Amino acid sequence: MKLRFSVDRIDEKRCVLIDCADPSRKVVWPLEAMPEGTCEGDLVSFSIDLDSKWREEEERKVKGILKDLSERSGK
């Protein structure tokens, strides 16, 4: 999914972004996470995708932690 936003304003260390498809939706985003040189009026896009591989890795980590805790408690 690709979303497009307009940089409405920049306040201190954050940007207020307005969704181009639905201007009633606004997002506050850290300025440090924006491309260098971002200015008010710029258009930016975000791609949002599910990351199944990362999720599987995190699930394995959690299962390992739970197994370790279970073994330490003697259960």
PDB file of N, CA and C in Angstrom:
ATOM      1  N   MET A   1       0.847  -1.160   0.000  1.00  0.00           N
ATOM      2  CA  MET A   1       0.000   0.000   0.000  1.00  0.00           C
ATOM      3  C   MET A   1       0.901   1.234   0.000  1.00  0.00           C
ATOM      4  N   LYS A   2       0.608   2.158  -0.881  1.00  0.00           N
ATOM      5  CA  LYS A   2       1.394   3.382  -0.948  1.00  0.00           C
ATOM      6  C   LYS A   2       0.494   4.563  -0.577  1.00  0.00           C
ATOM      7  N   LEU A   3       0.966   5.388   0.338  1.00  0.00           N
ATOM      8  CA  LEU A   3       0.228   6.557   0.789  1.00  0.00           C
ATOM      9  C   LEU A   3       1.017   7.807   0.446  1.00  0.00           C
ATOM     10  N   ARG A   4       0.304   8.868   0.057  1.00  0.00           N
ATOM     11  CA  ARG A   4       0.957  10.139  -0.269  1.00  0.00           C
ATOM     12  C   ARG A   4       0.481  11.210   0.694  1.00  0.00           C
ATOM     13  N   PHE A   5       1.435  12.013   1.152  1.00  0.00           N
ATOM     14  CA  PHE A   5       1.135  13.088   2.082  1.00  0.00           C
ATOM     15  C   PHE A   5       1.772  14.385   1.620  1.00  0.00           C
ATOM     16  N   SER A   6       1.156  15.466   2.009  1.00  0.00           N
ATOM     17  CA  SER A   6       1.721  16.789   1.805  1.00  0.00           C
ATOM     18  C   SER A   6       2.254  17.273   3.153  1.00  0.00           C
ATOM     19  N   VAL A   7       3.441  17.870   3.146  1.00  0.00           N
ATOM     20  CA  VAL A   7       3.999  18.417   4.384  1.00  0.00           C
ATOM     21  C   VAL A   7       3.288  19.741   4.638  1.00  0.00           C
ATOM     22  N   ASP A   8       2.403  19.752   5.618  1.00  0.00           N
ATOM     23  CA  ASP A   8       1.615  20.939   5.934  1.00  0.00           C
ATOM     24  C   ASP A   8       2.461  21.972   6.665  1.00  0.00           C
ATOM     25  N   ARG A   9       3.153  21.504   7.698  1.00  0.00           N
ATOM     26  CA  ARG A   9       4.010  22.413   8.461  1.00  0.00           C
ATOM     27  C   ARG A   9       5.075  21.625   9.207  1.00  0.00           C
ATOM     28  N   ILE A  10       6.109  22.338   9.580  1.00  0.00           N
ATOM     29  CA  ILE A  10       7.198  21.753  10.357  1.00  0.00           C
ATOM     30  C   ILE A  10       7.303  22.554  11.644  1.00  0.00           C
ATOM     31  N   ASP A  11       7.110  21.890  12.772  1.00  0.00           N
ATOM     32  CA  ASP A  11       7.186  22.505  14.097  1.00  0.00           C
ATOM     33  C   ASP A  11       8.321  21.857  14.868  1.00  0.00           C
ATOM     34  N   GLU A  12       9.322  22.627  15.222  1.00  0.00           N
ATOM     35  CA  GLU A  12      10.461  22.145  15.988  1.00  0.00           C
ATOM     36  C   GLU A  12      11.029  20.866  15.379  1.00  0.00           C
ATOM     37  N   LYS A  13      10.739  19.730  15.975  1.00  0.00           N
ATOM     38  CA  LYS A  13      11.330  18.472  15.513  1.00  0.00           C
ATOM     39  C   LYS A  13      10.302  17.528  14.916  1.00  0.00           C
ATOM     40  N   ARG A  14       9.208  18.058  14.403  1.00  0.00           N
ATOM     41  CA  ARG A  14       8.179  17.186  13.835  1.00  0.00           C
ATOM     42  C   ARG A  14       7.529  17.831  12.621  1.00  0.00           C
ATOM     43  N   CYS A  15       7.008  16.978  11.776  1.00  0.00           N
ATOM     44  CA  CYS A  15       6.281  17.415  10.582  1.00  0.00           C
ATOM     45  C   CYS A  15       4.816  17.034  10.741  1.00  0.00           C
ATOM     46  N   VAL A  16       3.941  17.909  10.313  1.00  0.00           N
ATOM     47  CA  VAL A  16       2.525  17.583  10.251  1.00  0.00           C
ATOM     48  C   VAL A  16       2.221  17.299   8.791  1.00  0.00           C
ATOM     49  N   LEU A  17       1.783  16.079   8.534  1.00  0.00           N
ATOM     50  CA  LEU A  17       1.521  15.612   7.175  1.00  0.00           C
ATOM     51  C   LEU A  17       0.023  15.466   6.961  1.00  0.00           C
ATOM     52  N   ILE A  18      -0.446  15.843   5.783  1.00  0.00           N
ATOM     53  CA  ILE A  18      -1.861  15.699   5.438  1.00  0.00           C
ATOM     54  C   ILE A  18      -1.976  14.682   4.308  1.00  0.00           C
ATOM     55  N   ASP A  19      -2.844  13.702   4.515  1.00  0.00           N
ATOM     56  CA  ASP A  19      -3.077  12.652   3.525  1.00  0.00           C
ATOM     57  C   ASP A  19      -3.662  13.274   2.255  1.00  0.00           C
ATOM     58  N   CYS A  20      -3.016  13.054   1.132  1.00  0.00           N
ATOM     59  CA  CYS A  20      -3.490  13.618  -0.141  1.00  0.00           C
ATOM     60  C   CYS A  20      -4.840  13.034  -0.551  1.00  0.00           C
ATOM     61  N   ALA A  21      -5.119  11.781  -0.188  1.00  0.00           N
ATOM     62  CA  ALA A  21      -6.379  11.130  -0.557  1.00  0.00           C
ATOM     63  C   ALA A  21      -7.520  11.541   0.366  1.00  0.00           C
ATOM     64  N   ASP A  22      -7.198  11.916   1.599  1.00  0.00           N
ATOM     65  CA  ASP A  22      -8.223  12.299   2.577  1.00  0.00           C
ATOM     66  C   ASP A  22      -7.638  13.379   3.483  1.00  0.00           C
ATOM     67  N   PRO A  23      -7.802  14.635   3.108  1.00  0.00           N
ATOM     68  CA  PRO A  23      -7.193  15.730   3.868  1.00  0.00           C
ATOM     69  C   PRO A  23      -7.634  15.837   5.333  1.00  0.00           C
ATOM     70  N   SER A  24      -8.675  15.114   5.704  1.00  0.00           N
ATOM     71  CA  SER A  24      -9.077  15.135   7.115  1.00  0.00           C
ATOM     72  C   SER A  24      -8.144  14.279   7.971  1.00  0.00           C
ATOM     73  N   ARG A  25      -7.324  13.439   7.329  1.00  0.00           N
ATOM     74  CA  ARG A  25      -6.358  12.602   8.056  1.00  0.00           C
ATOM     75  C   ARG A  25      -5.007  13.299   8.106  1.00  0.00           C
ATOM     76  N   LYS A  26      -4.511  13.447   9.326  1.00  0.00           N
ATOM     77  CA  LYS A  26      -3.207  14.072   9.530  1.00  0.00           C
ATOM     78  C   LYS A  26      -2.318  13.123  10.317  1.00  0.00           C
ATOM     79  N   VAL A  27      -1.028  13.215  10.063  1.00  0.00           N
ATOM     80  CA  VAL A  27      -0.041  12.384  10.744  1.00  0.00           C
ATOM     81  C   VAL A  27       1.075  13.304  11.226  1.00  0.00           C
ATOM     82  N   VAL A  28       1.507  13.099  12.460  1.00  0.00           N
ATOM     83  CA  VAL A  28       2.666  13.817  12.967  1.00  0.00           C
ATOM     84  C   VAL A  28       3.847  12.855  12.884  1.00  0.00           C
ATOM     85  N   TRP A  29       4.927  13.298  12.241  1.00  0.00           N
ATOM     86  CA  TRP A  29       6.068  12.434  11.959  1.00  0.00           C
ATOM     87  C   TRP A  29       7.342  13.148  12.398  1.00  0.00           C
ATOM     88  N   PRO A  30       8.296  12.424  12.984  1.00  0.00           N
ATOM     89  CA  PRO A  30       9.544  13.074  13.408  1.00  0.00           C
ATOM     90  C   PRO A  30      10.310  13.653  12.215  1.00  0.00           C
ATOM     91  N   LEU A  31      10.766  14.872  12.355  1.00  0.00           N
ATOM     92  CA  LEU A  31      11.524  15.516  11.289  1.00  0.00           C
ATOM     93  C   LEU A  31      12.795  14.727  10.968  1.00  0.00           C
ATOM     94  N   GLU A  32      13.414  14.142  12.002  1.00  0.00           N
ATOM     95  CA  GLU A  32      14.648  13.383  11.771  1.00  0.00           C
ATOM     96  C   GLU A  32      14.425  12.136  10.913  1.00  0.00           C
ATOM     97  N   ALA A  33      13.171  11.676  10.798  1.00  0.00           N
ATOM     98  CA  ALA A  33      12.859  10.499   9.989  1.00  0.00           C
ATOM     99  C   ALA A  33      12.430  10.879   8.570  1.00  0.00           C
ATOM    100  N   MET A  34      12.487  12.154   8.258  1.00  0.00           N
ATOM    101  CA  MET A  34      12.134  12.638   6.925  1.00  0.00           C
ATOM    102  C   MET A  34      13.404  12.810   6.093  1.00  0.00           C
ATOM    103  N   PRO A  35      13.273  12.807   4.776  1.00  0.00           N
ATOM    104  CA  PRO A  35      14.451  13.044   3.935  1.00  0.00           C
ATOM    105  C   PRO A  35      15.057  14.419   4.232  1.00  0.00           C
ATOM    106  N   GLU A  36      16.359  14.497   4.160  1.00  0.00           N
ATOM    107  CA  GLU A  36      17.051  15.762   4.411  1.00  0.00           C
ATOM    108  C   GLU A  36      16.545  16.826   3.434  1.00  0.00           C
ATOM    109  N   GLY A  37      16.295  17.995   3.949  1.00  0.00           N
ATOM    110  CA  GLY A  37      15.838  19.096   3.112  1.00  0.00           C
ATOM    111  C   GLY A  37      14.334  19.180   2.950  1.00  0.00           C
ATOM    112  N   THR A  38      13.586  18.337   3.659  1.00  0.00           N
ATOM    113  CA  THR A  38      12.131  18.368   3.567  1.00  0.00           C
ATOM    114  C   THR A  38      11.619  19.751   3.976  1.00  0.00           C
ATOM    115  N   CYS A  39      10.708  20.282   3.168  1.00  0.00           N
ATOM    116  CA  CYS A  39      10.148  21.612   3.428  1.00  0.00           C
ATOM    117  C   CYS A  39       8.623  21.556   3.377  1.00  0.00           C
ATOM    118  N   GLU A  40       8.003  22.579   3.959  1.00  0.00           N
ATOM    119  CA  GLU A  40       6.552  22.696   3.885  1.00  0.00           C
ATOM    120  C   GLU A  40       6.134  22.735   2.418  1.00  0.00           C
ATOM    121  N   GLY A  41       5.060  22.014   2.100  1.00  0.00           N
ATOM    122  CA  GLY A  41       4.565  21.949   0.736  1.00  0.00           C
ATOM    123  C   GLY A  41       5.098  20.764  -0.055  1.00  0.00           C
ATOM    124  N   ASP A  42       6.152  20.112   0.443  1.00  0.00           N
ATOM    125  CA  ASP A  42       6.681  18.934  -0.243  1.00  0.00           C
ATOM    126  C   ASP A  42       5.669  17.798  -0.206  1.00  0.00           C
ATOM    127  N   LEU A  43       5.721  16.943  -1.212  1.00  0.00           N
ATOM    128  CA  LEU A  43       4.920  15.723  -1.236  1.00  0.00           C
ATOM    129  C   LEU A  43       5.833  14.553  -0.911  1.00  0.00           C
ATOM    130  N   VAL A  44       5.370  13.690  -0.021  1.00  0.00           N
ATOM    131  CA  VAL A  44       6.136  12.504   0.363  1.00  0.00           C
ATOM    132  C   VAL A  44       5.234  11.288   0.240  1.00  0.00           C
ATOM    133  N   SER A  45       5.851  10.147   0.038  1.00  0.00           N
ATOM    134  CA  SER A  45       5.063   8.918  -0.041  1.00  0.00           C
ATOM    135  C   SER A  45       5.630   7.890   0.925  1.00  0.00           C
ATOM    136  N   PHE A  46       4.750   7.061   1.434  1.00  0.00           N
ATOM    137  CA  PHE A  46       5.103   5.978   2.339  1.00  0.00           C
ATOM    138  C   PHE A  46       4.568   4.685   1.761  1.00  0.00           C
ATOM    139  N   SER A  47       5.367   3.651   1.808  1.00  0.00           N
ATOM    140  CA  SER A  47       4.905   2.324   1.429  1.00  0.00           C
ATOM    141  C   SER A  47       4.740   1.506   2.701  1.00  0.00           C
ATOM    142  N   ILE A  48       3.598   0.892   2.838  1.00  0.00           N
ATOM    143  CA  ILE A  48       3.309   0.083   4.017  1.00  0.00           C
ATOM    144  C   ILE A  48       3.056  -1.342   3.559  1.00  0.00           C
ATOM    145  N   ASP A  49       3.879  -2.247   4.042  1.00  0.00           N
ATOM    146  CA  ASP A  49       3.761  -3.656   3.661  1.00  0.00           C
ATOM    147  C   ASP A  49       3.884  -4.529   4.904  1.00  0.00           C
ATOM    148  N   LEU A  50       3.245  -5.675   4.865  1.00  0.00           N
ATOM    149  CA  LEU A  50       3.427  -6.657   5.927  1.00  0.00           C
ATOM    150  C   LEU A  50       4.794  -7.302   5.754  1.00  0.00           C
ATOM    151  N   ASP A  51       5.474  -7.532   6.852  1.00  0.00           N
ATOM    152  CA  ASP A  51       6.798  -8.140   6.803  1.00  0.00           C
ATOM    153  C   ASP A  51       6.715  -9.497   7.504  1.00  0.00           C
ATOM    154  N   SER A  52       6.289 -10.509   6.751  1.00  0.00           N
ATOM    155  CA  SER A  52       6.083 -11.843   7.313  1.00  0.00           C
ATOM    156  C   SER A  52       7.377 -12.451   7.840  1.00  0.00           C
ATOM    157  N   LYS A  53       8.473 -12.245   7.124  1.00  0.00           N
ATOM    158  CA  LYS A  53       9.747 -12.814   7.543  1.00  0.00           C
ATOM    159  C   LYS A  53      10.167 -12.250   8.897  1.00  0.00           C
ATOM    160  N   TRP A  54      10.075 -10.927   9.064  1.00  0.00           N
ATOM    161  CA  TRP A  54      10.437 -10.296  10.332  1.00  0.00           C
ATOM    162  C   TRP A  54       9.536 -10.807  11.454  1.00  0.00           C
ATOM    163  N   ARG A  55       8.242 -10.949  11.168  1.00  0.00           N
ATOM    164  CA  ARG A  55       7.302 -11.437  12.181  1.00  0.00           C
ATOM    165  C   ARG A  55       7.682 -12.853  12.631  1.00  0.00           C
ATOM    166  N   GLU A  56       8.021 -13.715  11.680  1.00  0.00           N
ATOM    167  CA  GLU A  56       8.411 -15.083  12.019  1.00  0.00           C
ATOM    168  C   GLU A  56       9.669 -15.091  12.886  1.00  0.00           C
ATOM    169  N   GLU A  57      10.627 -14.225  12.567  1.00  0.00           N
ATOM    170  CA  GLU A  57      11.854 -14.133  13.362  1.00  0.00           C
ATOM    171  C   GLU A  57      11.539 -13.679  14.785  1.00  0.00           C
ATOM    172  N   GLU A  58      10.665 -12.694  14.922  1.00  0.00           N
ATOM    173  CA  GLU A  58      10.289 -12.203  16.252  1.00  0.00           C
ATOM    174  C   GLU A  58       9.549 -13.279  17.046  1.00  0.00           C
ATOM    175  N   GLU A  59       8.683 -14.024  16.375  1.00  0.00           N
ATOM    176  CA  GLU A  59       7.964 -15.107  17.053  1.00  0.00           C
ATOM    177  C   GLU A  59       8.934 -16.168  17.561  1.00  0.00           C
ATOM    178  N   ARG A  60       9.960 -16.494  16.760  1.00  0.00           N
ATOM    179  CA  ARG A  60      10.971 -17.468  17.195  1.00  0.00           C
ATOM    180  C   ARG A  60      11.718 -16.950  18.417  1.00  0.00           C
ATOM    181  N   LYS A  61      12.056 -15.675  18.421  1.00  0.00           N
ATOM    182  CA  LYS A  61      12.757 -15.083  19.568  1.00  0.00           C
ATOM    183  C   LYS A  61      11.908 -15.181  20.829  1.00  0.00           C
ATOM    184  N   VAL A  62      10.644 -14.823  20.703  1.00  0.00           N
ATOM    185  CA  VAL A  62       9.754 -14.862  21.870  1.00  0.00           C
ATOM    186  C   VAL A  62       9.586 -16.292  22.362  1.00  0.00           C
ATOM    187  N   LYS A  63       9.414 -17.249  21.459  1.00  0.00           N
ATOM    188  CA  LYS A  63       9.281 -18.645  21.863  1.00  0.00           C
ATOM    189  C   LYS A  63      10.546 -19.118  22.573  1.00  0.00           C
ATOM    190  N   GLY A  64      11.712 -18.687  22.093  1.00  0.00           N
ATOM    191  CA  GLY A  64      12.973 -19.044  22.745  1.00  0.00           C
ATOM    192  C   GLY A  64      13.067 -18.468  24.142  1.00  0.00           C
ATOM    193  N   ILE A  65      12.646 -17.218  24.305  1.00  0.00           N
ATOM    194  CA  ILE A  65      12.657 -16.582  25.632  1.00  0.00           C
ATOM    195  C   ILE A  65      11.706 -17.310  26.571  1.00  0.00           C
ATOM    196  N   LEU A  66      10.509 -17.622  26.089  1.00  0.00           N
ATOM    197  CA  LEU A  66       9.539 -18.335  26.930  1.00  0.00           C
ATOM    198  C   LEU A  66      10.050 -19.723  27.323  1.00  0.00           C
ATOM    199  N   LYS A  67      10.684 -20.410  26.387  1.00  0.00           N
ATOM    200  CA  LYS A  67      11.244 -21.732  26.676  1.00  0.00           C
ATOM    201  C   LYS A  67      12.335 -21.616  27.733  1.00  0.00           C
ATOM    202  N   ASP A  68      13.211 -20.615  27.577  1.00  0.00           N
ATOM    203  CA  ASP A  68      14.290 -20.398  28.539  1.00  0.00           C
ATOM    204  C   ASP A  68      13.740 -20.102  29.927  1.00  0.00           C
ATOM    205  N   LEU A  69      12.737 -19.237  29.987  1.00  0.00           N
ATOM    206  CA  LEU A  69      12.118 -18.897  31.283  1.00  0.00           C
ATOM    207  C   LEU A  69      11.468 -20.118  31.917  1.00  0.00           C
ATOM    208  N   SER A  70      10.807 -20.918  31.083  1.00  0.00           N
ATOM    209  CA  SER A  70      10.144 -22.123  31.576  1.00  0.00           C
ATOM    210  C   SER A  70      11.167 -23.105  32.144  1.00  0.00           C
ATOM    211  N   GLU A  71      12.295 -23.264  31.442  1.00  0.00           N
ATOM    212  CA  GLU A  71      13.330 -24.178  31.907  1.00  0.00           C
ATOM    213  C   GLU A  71      13.981 -23.678  33.193  1.00  0.00           C
ATOM    214  N   ARG A  72      14.148 -22.389  33.323  1.00  0.00           N
ATOM    215  CA  ARG A  72      14.746 -21.811  34.532  1.00  0.00           C
ATOM    216  C   ARG A  72      13.848 -21.961  35.749  1.00  0.00           C
ATOM    217  N   SER A  73      12.528 -21.923  35.489  1.00  0.00           N
ATOM    218  CA  SER A  73      11.612 -22.047  36.619  1.00  0.00           C
ATOM    219  C   SER A  73      11.345 -23.513  36.970  1.00  0.00           C
ATOM    220  N   GLY A  74      11.873 -24.432  36.162  1.00  0.00           N
ATOM    221  CA  GLY A  74      11.734 -25.855  36.450  1.00  0.00           C
ATOM    222  C   GLY A  74      10.411 -26.442  36.040  1.00  0.00           C
ATOM    223  N   LYS A  75       9.703 -25.788  35.159  1.00  0.00           N
ATOM    224  CA  LYS A  75       8.404 -26.292  34.723  1.00  0.00           C
ATOM    225  C   LYS A  75       8.512 -26.931  33.375  1.00  0.00           C
TER     226      LYS A  75
END
